Structures are given as structure tokens and as C-alpha cells.
Amino acid sequence: MLDDLVIYQKTYDFMLWLHPVVNKFPKAQRFVLGQRIENTTLDLVHHMIVANSVRDKTVALQQASVGLDELRILIRLAKDLRFVSIRQYELAAERMNEIGRLLYGWMSRFSRAA
């Protein structure tokens, strides 16, 4: 059932793409900024799983939205510190924007139904 959610699949694919990128961070940052990026991405997936399984999705969807905003900032920081290339940043931004649009659509659909 969860695999039917396009947003879940897009986020999972993003997480798969992001993992080797983070593993190429300098060693000192791999366990600081890199770990934070990976944990935030995992939390984002967690909030989607929770939202999919509960009746009142408001809190989980809001937490997913905050997590996505945090992820945007962390990846921008990685770009500014030159841990990711401009091209990698562009790809990440495109994917995060797509996830954001899907998340907004999910939130809008839920708020109309309530």
C-alpha cells in the first residue's frame, strides 16, 4: 500500500541517490553534516509512513514539511561548503521540489477532505 504512494517512491529514490553522495563528503563532515542529512531524509520517510497510516494526517504531514525544509537547508550548506557539486545540488533541488509539490498536494487534499 505504501509503495502506491508516489511521494514515498520519489523520496525513497532520492534517499538512494543521496547516500553515495553523502559518503563522498570529507571524513570529518561525513559523520556530522552527512549523518544529519541522512537522518533528516529518514525522518521524512518516517513522517510519510505515519501520515499514511493514521486518520488525522495533519501533524505527520506538517512534520514532513518541516523536515523537507530542513533538508533543503542542509543540502544547500553542503553545496556552499563544496561537499557537493553544483550539478548534484541542482539534481537534489529538483528532486526536493518535486517531493515538496507532492507533499503540498497531499496536505491540500487532506485539508479539503477534513
Protein backbone atom coordinates (compact mmCIF):
# COMPACT_ATOMS: atom_id res chain seq x y z
CA MET A 1 0.00 0.00 0.00
CA LEU A 2 2.80 2.41 0.86
CA ASP A 3 4.54 1.61 -2.42
CA ASP A 4 1.48 3.02 -4.20
CA LEU A 5 2.28 6.47 -2.84
CA VAL A 6 4.22 8.36 -5.50
CA ILE A 7 5.66 10.70 -2.87
CA TYR A 8 7.02 7.76 -0.90
CA GLN A 9 8.68 6.28 -4.00
CA LYS A 10 10.18 9.65 -5.02
CA THR A 11 11.54 10.19 -1.52
CA TYR A 12 12.93 6.66 -1.36
CA ASP A 13 14.63 7.12 -4.75
CA PHE A 14 16.05 10.43 -3.55
CA MET A 15 17.39 8.71 -0.45
CA LEU A 16 19.07 6.05 -2.61
CA TRP A 17 20.64 8.74 -4.82
CA LEU A 18 21.76 10.80 -1.83
CA HIS A 19 23.53 8.03 0.08
CA PRO A 20 26.61 7.70 -2.18
CA VAL A 21 26.79 11.49 -2.50
CA VAL A 22 26.99 11.88 1.28
CA ASN A 23 29.54 9.05 1.53
CA LYS A 24 31.92 11.20 -0.54
CA PHE A 25 31.87 14.06 1.97
CA PRO A 26 35.19 14.72 3.72
CA LYS A 27 35.59 12.22 6.55
CA ALA A 28 35.12 14.79 9.32
CA GLN A 29 31.84 16.01 7.80
CA ARG A 30 30.54 12.60 6.78
CA PHE A 31 29.76 11.92 10.42
CA VAL A 32 28.41 15.40 11.17
CA LEU A 33 26.63 17.08 8.26
CA GLY A 34 26.37 13.90 6.21
CA GLN A 35 24.77 11.96 9.05
CA ARG A 36 22.37 14.83 9.73
CA ILE A 37 21.30 14.87 6.06
CA GLU A 38 20.73 11.12 6.04
CA ASN A 39 18.83 11.19 9.36
CA THR A 40 16.63 14.04 8.16
CA THR A 41 15.83 12.10 4.99
CA LEU A 42 14.98 9.00 7.02
CA ASP A 43 12.77 11.13 9.29
CA LEU A 44 11.00 12.49 6.21
CA VAL A 45 10.18 8.95 5.09
CA HIS A 46 9.09 8.11 8.64
CA HIS A 47 6.62 11.01 8.70
CA MET A 48 5.17 9.86 5.38
CA ILE A 49 4.69 6.35 6.73
CA VAL A 50 2.98 7.74 9.81
CA ALA A 51 0.77 10.08 7.74
CA ASN A 52 -0.25 7.19 5.52
CA SER A 53 -1.27 5.05 8.48
CA VAL A 54 -3.15 7.47 10.75
CA ARG A 55 -6.57 9.01 10.37
CA ASP A 56 -5.57 12.58 11.26
CA LYS A 57 -2.62 13.25 8.97
CA THR A 58 -2.11 16.90 9.92
CA VAL A 59 0.73 16.53 12.41
CA ALA A 60 2.71 13.98 10.40
CA LEU A 61 2.36 16.00 7.19
CA GLN A 62 3.46 19.18 8.95
CA GLN A 63 6.47 17.36 10.38
CA ALA A 64 7.31 16.04 6.90
CA SER A 65 7.10 19.60 5.55
CA VAL A 66 9.43 20.91 8.26
CA GLY A 67 11.80 18.01 7.62
CA LEU A 68 11.88 18.79 3.91
CA ASP A 69 12.67 22.44 4.65
CA GLU A 70 15.49 21.36 6.98
CA LEU A 71 16.82 19.01 4.31
CA ARG A 72 16.86 21.85 1.78
CA ILE A 73 18.96 23.96 4.14
CA LEU A 74 21.37 21.14 4.95
CA ILE A 75 21.97 20.31 1.30
CA ARG A 76 22.43 23.98 0.48
CA LEU A 77 25.03 24.15 3.25
CA ALA A 78 26.78 21.11 1.77
CA LYS A 79 26.85 22.90 -1.59
CA ASP A 80 28.19 26.12 -0.07
CA LEU A 81 30.90 24.15 1.72
CA ARG A 82 31.67 22.46 -1.63
CA PHE A 83 30.90 18.95 -0.43
CA VAL A 84 28.51 18.55 -3.36
CA SER A 85 28.91 19.89 -6.87
CA ILE A 86 26.61 22.48 -8.39
CA ARG A 87 25.16 19.75 -10.63
CA GLN A 88 24.48 17.48 -7.64
CA TYR A 89 22.87 20.40 -5.85
CA GLU A 90 20.68 21.13 -8.87
CA LEU A 91 19.58 17.49 -9.05
CA ALA A 92 18.87 17.44 -5.31
CA ALA A 93 16.91 20.70 -5.52
CA GLU A 94 14.81 19.37 -8.42
CA ARG A 95 14.01 16.19 -6.52
CA MET A 96 13.23 18.04 -3.29
CA ASN A 97 10.98 20.47 -5.17
CA GLU A 98 9.10 17.55 -6.72
CA ILE A 99 8.70 15.93 -3.30
CA GLY A 100 7.54 19.30 -1.94
CA ARG A 101 4.88 19.63 -4.65
CA LEU A 102 3.62 16.12 -3.92
CA LEU A 103 3.63 16.81 -0.19
CA TYR A 104 1.74 20.07 -0.68
CA GLY A 105 -0.80 18.24 -2.83
CA TRP A 106 -1.25 15.60 -0.16
CA MET A 107 -1.68 18.28 2.50
CA SER A 108 -4.17 20.20 0.33
CA ARG A 109 -6.19 17.07 -0.44
CA PHE A 110 -6.36 16.21 3.23
CA SER A 111 -7.36 19.73 4.32
CA ARG A 112 -10.21 19.76 1.77
CA ALA A 113 -11.46 16.37 2.99
CA ALA A 114 -11.46 17.45 6.64
